[in-house]
Amino acid sequence: MAGGHDNIMTTQEYIKKVNEDVSEDDHFTLGPWLSVIVHLHGEGVMSSGCLGDMKKYCINGKLELVVGVVMSCTPNALGDMTVTLKDPTCIMGGTIHYKVFKNEDDGYTKSIKVRYVLILRNVSVFTPKPLKHYLNITIRNIVKVFRQGH
C-alpha cells in the first residue's frame, strides 16, 4: 500500500486484537467497552490499559489517558463519589470530585454508574504509599461516558 499505511488495521481487526489481549472478563468484550474502543480507534488512539503500569504511564503525577469500566461507585459525605475503575491491566480506586455532579447541564449527574466506561484525560494520581495509587477525577478530566446500550 502506498504512503506507508501497511500497518493500519481495520476497526474490526483492532477490536479482535484488543479482545485477544484481555482476560475472559465480559467487561471488555461487550457493550460500552467495545463502543469506547471503536470511538478511540476512530480518533487514531490505540489504548488497552495503563492502570497496571504506573511507572510507564504516570508522568509528573498524571495519566494522559485512562479508559476504565466503573466497577463500583458510592457517594461520600462530602458529595464526592468514590469509584473503582478497571482496565485490562488493573483495578484502581479513585474519587470523582463533587463538582462533576453539581451542574445538571454537564450531563454527569446521573450518568456515572456501575458497568459504564469512562474516558479520562490528564488525571492526577495520588500515591500515599509506594504501589498504592488513587485517581483524582475532576470535571476537566472527563472526556466521555459510555453507557449500557450506547
C-alpha atoms as a PDB file:
ATOM      1  CA  MET A   1       0.000   0.000   0.000  1.00  0.00           C
ATOM      2  CA  ALA A   2       1.352   3.453  -0.877  1.00  0.00           C
ATOM      3  CA  GLY A   3       2.155   6.058   1.737  1.00  0.00           C
ATOM      4  CA  GLY A   4       3.406   3.681   4.441  1.00  0.00           C
ATOM      5  CA  HIS A   5      -0.040   2.632   5.695  1.00  0.00           C
ATOM      6  CA  ASP A   6       0.675  -1.115   5.569  1.00  0.00           C
ATOM      7  CA  ASN A   7       0.336  -1.434   9.354  1.00  0.00           C
ATOM      8  CA  ILE A   8      -3.089   0.213   9.672  1.00  0.00           C
ATOM      9  CA  MET A   9      -5.746  -2.273  10.718  1.00  0.00           C
ATOM     10  CA  THR A  10      -9.487  -2.051  10.340  1.00  0.00           C
ATOM     11  CA  THR A  11     -11.657  -1.335  13.364  1.00  0.00           C
ATOM     12  CA  GLN A  12     -12.848  -4.957  13.347  1.00  0.00           C
ATOM     13  CA  GLU A  13      -9.245  -6.229  13.345  1.00  0.00           C
ATOM     14  CA  TYR A  14      -8.376  -3.845  16.175  1.00  0.00           C
ATOM     15  CA  ILE A  15     -11.340  -4.982  18.320  1.00  0.00           C
ATOM     16  CA  LYS A  16     -10.375  -8.609  17.718  1.00  0.00           C
ATOM     17  CA  LYS A  17      -6.782  -7.880  18.788  1.00  0.00           C
ATOM     18  CA  VAL A  18      -7.887  -5.981  21.908  1.00  0.00           C
ATOM     19  CA  ASN A  19     -10.226  -8.828  22.857  1.00  0.00           C
ATOM     20  CA  GLU A  20      -7.386 -11.332  22.449  1.00  0.00           C
ATOM     21  CA  ASP A  21      -5.176  -9.203  24.704  1.00  0.00           C
ATOM     22  CA  VAL A  22      -7.627  -9.054  27.626  1.00  0.00           C
ATOM     23  CA  SER A  23      -8.841 -11.691  30.029  1.00  0.00           C
ATOM     24  CA  GLU A  24     -12.088 -13.590  29.687  1.00  0.00           C
ATOM     25  CA  ASP A  25     -13.789 -10.754  31.597  1.00  0.00           C
ATOM     26  CA  ASP A  26     -17.035  -9.777  29.874  1.00  0.00           C
ATOM     27  CA  HIS A  27     -16.496  -6.118  30.807  1.00  0.00           C
ATOM     28  CA  PHE A  28     -14.024  -5.974  27.938  1.00  0.00           C
ATOM     29  CA  THR A  29     -15.928  -7.941  25.306  1.00  0.00           C
ATOM     30  CA  LEU A  30     -19.388  -6.367  25.380  1.00  0.00           C
ATOM     31  CA  GLY A  31     -21.334  -3.111  25.221  1.00  0.00           C
ATOM     32  CA  PRO A  32     -19.760   0.109  26.410  1.00  0.00           C
ATOM     33  CA  TRP A  33     -16.148  -1.141  26.264  1.00  0.00           C
ATOM     34  CA  LEU A  34     -16.444  -2.022  22.574  1.00  0.00           C
ATOM     35  CA  SER A  35     -18.079   1.358  21.893  1.00  0.00           C
ATOM     36  CA  VAL A  36     -15.101   3.057  23.552  1.00  0.00           C
ATOM     37  CA  ILE A  37     -12.600   1.039  21.519  1.00  0.00           C
ATOM     38  CA  VAL A  38     -14.385   1.945  18.268  1.00  0.00           C
ATOM     39  CA  HIS A  39     -14.548   5.614  19.358  1.00  0.00           C
ATOM     40  CA  LEU A  40     -10.841   5.775  20.240  1.00  0.00           C
ATOM     41  CA  HIS A  41      -9.785   3.860  17.129  1.00  0.00           C
ATOM     42  CA  GLY A  42     -11.775   6.350  15.047  1.00  0.00           C
ATOM     43  CA  GLU A  43      -9.676   9.111  16.616  1.00  0.00           C
ATOM     44  CA  GLY A  44      -6.468   7.207  15.895  1.00  0.00           C
ATOM     45  CA  VAL A  45      -5.895   6.305  19.546  1.00  0.00           C
ATOM     46  CA  MET A  46      -4.836   2.777  20.429  1.00  0.00           C
ATOM     47  CA  SER A  47      -5.382   2.074  24.110  1.00  0.00           C
ATOM     48  CA  SER A  48      -5.573  -1.160  26.045  1.00  0.00           C
ATOM     49  CA  GLY A  49      -4.769  -0.094  29.611  1.00  0.00           C
ATOM     50  CA  CYS A  50      -2.443   1.924  31.803  1.00  0.00           C
ATOM     51  CA  LEU A  51      -3.526   1.356  35.404  1.00  0.00           C
ATOM     52  CA  GLY A  52      -1.319  -1.701  35.848  1.00  0.00           C
ATOM     53  CA  ASP A  53       1.935   0.054  34.853  1.00  0.00           C
ATOM     54  CA  MET A  54       2.225   3.358  36.705  1.00  0.00           C
ATOM     55  CA  LYS A  55       5.990   3.550  36.135  1.00  0.00           C
ATOM     56  CA  LYS A  56       5.453   3.631  32.381  1.00  0.00           C
ATOM     57  CA  TYR A  57       2.317   5.776  32.099  1.00  0.00           C
ATOM     58  CA  CYS A  58       2.327   8.163  35.075  1.00  0.00           C
ATOM     59  CA  ILE A  59       4.241  11.309  34.112  1.00  0.00           C
ATOM     60  CA  ASN A  60       4.554  14.166  36.619  1.00  0.00           C
ATOM     61  CA  GLY A  61       1.827  12.609  38.756  1.00  0.00           C
ATOM     62  CA  LYS A  62      -0.698  12.386  35.906  1.00  0.00           C
ATOM     63  CA  LEU A  63      -2.053   9.823  33.477  1.00  0.00           C
ATOM     64  CA  GLU A  64      -2.595  11.191  29.985  1.00  0.00           C
ATOM     65  CA  LEU A  65      -5.376   8.736  29.086  1.00  0.00           C
ATOM     66  CA  VAL A  66      -7.437   6.470  31.322  1.00  0.00           C
ATOM     67  CA  VAL A  67     -10.159   4.223  29.942  1.00  0.00           C
ATOM     68  CA  GLY A  68     -11.919   2.254  32.633  1.00  0.00           C
ATOM     69  CA  VAL A  69     -15.066   0.338  33.461  1.00  0.00           C
ATOM     70  CA  VAL A  70     -16.817   1.602  36.596  1.00  0.00           C
ATOM     71  CA  MET A  71     -16.839  -1.424  38.924  1.00  0.00           C
ATOM     72  CA  SER A  72     -18.272   0.414  41.924  1.00  0.00           C
ATOM     73  CA  CYS A  73     -19.440   3.930  42.717  1.00  0.00           C
ATOM     74  CA  THR A  74     -20.573   5.251  46.086  1.00  0.00           C
ATOM     75  CA  PRO A  75     -21.314   8.853  47.097  1.00  0.00           C
ATOM     76  CA  ASN A  76     -19.455  10.004  50.183  1.00  0.00           C
ATOM     77  CA  ALA A  77     -20.328  12.533  52.890  1.00  0.00           C
ATOM     78  CA  LEU A  78     -18.531  15.368  51.074  1.00  0.00           C
ATOM     79  CA  GLY A  79     -20.602  14.980  47.896  1.00  0.00           C
ATOM     80  CA  ASP A  80     -17.747  13.313  46.014  1.00  0.00           C
ATOM     81  CA  MET A  81     -18.095   9.816  44.571  1.00  0.00           C
ATOM     82  CA  THR A  82     -15.716   7.024  45.474  1.00  0.00           C
ATOM     83  CA  VAL A  83     -15.179   4.787  42.442  1.00  0.00           C
ATOM     84  CA  THR A  84     -13.311   1.700  41.427  1.00  0.00           C
ATOM     85  CA  LEU A  85     -12.201   1.614  37.790  1.00  0.00           C
ATOM     86  CA  LYS A  86     -10.948  -1.404  35.896  1.00  0.00           C
ATOM     87  CA  ASP A  87      -8.969  -1.616  32.690  1.00  0.00           C
ATOM     88  CA  PRO A  88      -7.470  -4.774  31.164  1.00  0.00           C
ATOM     89  CA  THR A  89      -4.334  -4.372  33.284  1.00  0.00           C
ATOM     90  CA  CYS A  90      -5.555  -3.486  36.780  1.00  0.00           C
ATOM     91  CA  ILE A  91      -8.274  -2.277  39.149  1.00  0.00           C
ATOM     92  CA  MET A  92      -7.769   1.105  40.837  1.00  0.00           C
ATOM     93  CA  GLY A  93      -9.753   3.264  43.228  1.00  0.00           C
ATOM     94  CA  GLY A  94     -10.388   6.938  42.921  1.00  0.00           C
ATOM     95  CA  THR A  95     -12.592   9.859  43.755  1.00  0.00           C
ATOM     96  CA  ILE A  96     -14.761  11.896  41.419  1.00  0.00           C
ATOM     97  CA  HIS A  97     -14.978  15.486  42.662  1.00  0.00           C
ATOM     98  CA  TYR A  98     -18.413  16.711  43.749  1.00  0.00           C
ATOM     99  CA  LYS A  99     -18.446  19.498  41.132  1.00  0.00           C
ATOM    100  CA  VAL A 100     -18.778  16.817  38.437  1.00  0.00           C
ATOM    101  CA  PHE A 101     -22.274  16.164  39.798  1.00  0.00           C
ATOM    102  CA  LYS A 102     -23.189  19.709  40.814  1.00  0.00           C
ATOM    103  CA  ASN A 103     -24.320  21.008  37.416  1.00  0.00           C
ATOM    104  CA  GLU A 104     -27.183  19.082  35.776  1.00  0.00           C
ATOM    105  CA  ASP A 105     -26.303  20.676  32.385  1.00  0.00           C
ATOM    106  CA  ASP A 106     -22.989  18.785  32.244  1.00  0.00           C
ATOM    107  CA  GLY A 107     -24.905  15.525  31.967  1.00  0.00           C
ATOM    108  CA  TYR A 108     -22.847  13.635  34.558  1.00  0.00           C
ATOM    109  CA  THR A 109     -25.245  13.882  37.496  1.00  0.00           C
ATOM    110  CA  LYS A 110     -26.946  10.592  36.658  1.00  0.00           C
ATOM    111  CA  SER A 111     -24.607   9.115  34.073  1.00  0.00           C
ATOM    112  CA  ILE A 112     -21.802   7.541  36.082  1.00  0.00           C
ATOM    113  CA  LYS A 113     -22.894   4.085  37.140  1.00  0.00           C
ATOM    114  CA  VAL A 114     -21.519   0.572  37.511  1.00  0.00           C
ATOM    115  CA  ARG A 115     -20.553  -1.036  34.162  1.00  0.00           C
ATOM    116  CA  TYR A 116     -20.345   2.324  32.378  1.00  0.00           C
ATOM    117  CA  VAL A 117     -16.988   3.160  30.788  1.00  0.00           C
ATOM    118  CA  LEU A 118     -15.167   6.458  31.302  1.00  0.00           C
ATOM    119  CA  ILE A 119     -12.628   8.094  29.017  1.00  0.00           C
ATOM    120  CA  LEU A 120     -10.482  10.389  31.137  1.00  0.00           C
ATOM    121  CA  ARG A 121      -7.583  12.670  30.190  1.00  0.00           C
ATOM    122  CA  ASN A 122      -4.782  14.195  32.244  1.00  0.00           C
ATOM    123  CA  VAL A 123      -5.894  12.555  35.512  1.00  0.00           C
ATOM    124  CA  SER A 124      -3.969  13.298  38.713  1.00  0.00           C
ATOM    125  CA  VAL A 125      -2.700  10.258  40.585  1.00  0.00           C
ATOM    126  CA  PHE A 126      -2.413  10.352  44.378  1.00  0.00           C
ATOM    127  CA  THR A 127       0.175   7.917  45.765  1.00  0.00           C
ATOM    128  CA  PRO A 128       0.054   7.782  49.589  1.00  0.00           C
ATOM    129  CA  LYS A 129       2.318   4.696  49.714  1.00  0.00           C
ATOM    130  CA  PRO A 130       4.545   3.023  47.145  1.00  0.00           C
ATOM    131  CA  LEU A 131       2.436   0.828  44.864  1.00  0.00           C
ATOM    132  CA  LYS A 132      -0.816   2.316  46.248  1.00  0.00           C
ATOM    133  CA  HIS A 133      -2.370   4.712  43.747  1.00  0.00           C
ATOM    134  CA  TYR A 134      -5.699   6.561  43.568  1.00  0.00           C
ATOM    135  CA  LEU A 135      -7.202   8.634  40.774  1.00  0.00           C
ATOM    136  CA  ASN A 136      -8.390  12.180  41.480  1.00  0.00           C
ATOM    137  CA  ILE A 137     -11.068  12.832  38.839  1.00  0.00           C
ATOM    138  CA  THR A 138     -12.437  16.310  38.154  1.00  0.00           C
ATOM    139  CA  ILE A 139     -14.840  17.723  35.560  1.00  0.00           C
ATOM    140  CA  ARG A 140     -11.880  18.668  33.327  1.00  0.00           C
ATOM    141  CA  ASN A 141     -10.725  15.040  33.212  1.00  0.00           C
ATOM    142  CA  ILE A 142     -13.951  13.545  31.841  1.00  0.00           C
ATOM    143  CA  VAL A 143     -13.906  13.254  28.069  1.00  0.00           C
ATOM    144  CA  LYS A 144     -16.854  10.927  27.569  1.00  0.00           C
ATOM    145  CA  VAL A 145     -19.066   8.449  29.422  1.00  0.00           C
ATOM    146  CA  PHE A 146     -20.236   5.324  27.599  1.00  0.00           C
ATOM    147  CA  ARG A 147     -23.423   3.799  28.974  1.00  0.00           C
ATOM    148  CA  GLN A 148     -25.047   0.414  28.504  1.00  0.00           C
ATOM    149  CA  GLY A 149     -26.681   0.250  25.095  1.00  0.00           C
ATOM    150  CA  HIS A 150     -24.548   3.200  23.876  1.00  0.00           C
END
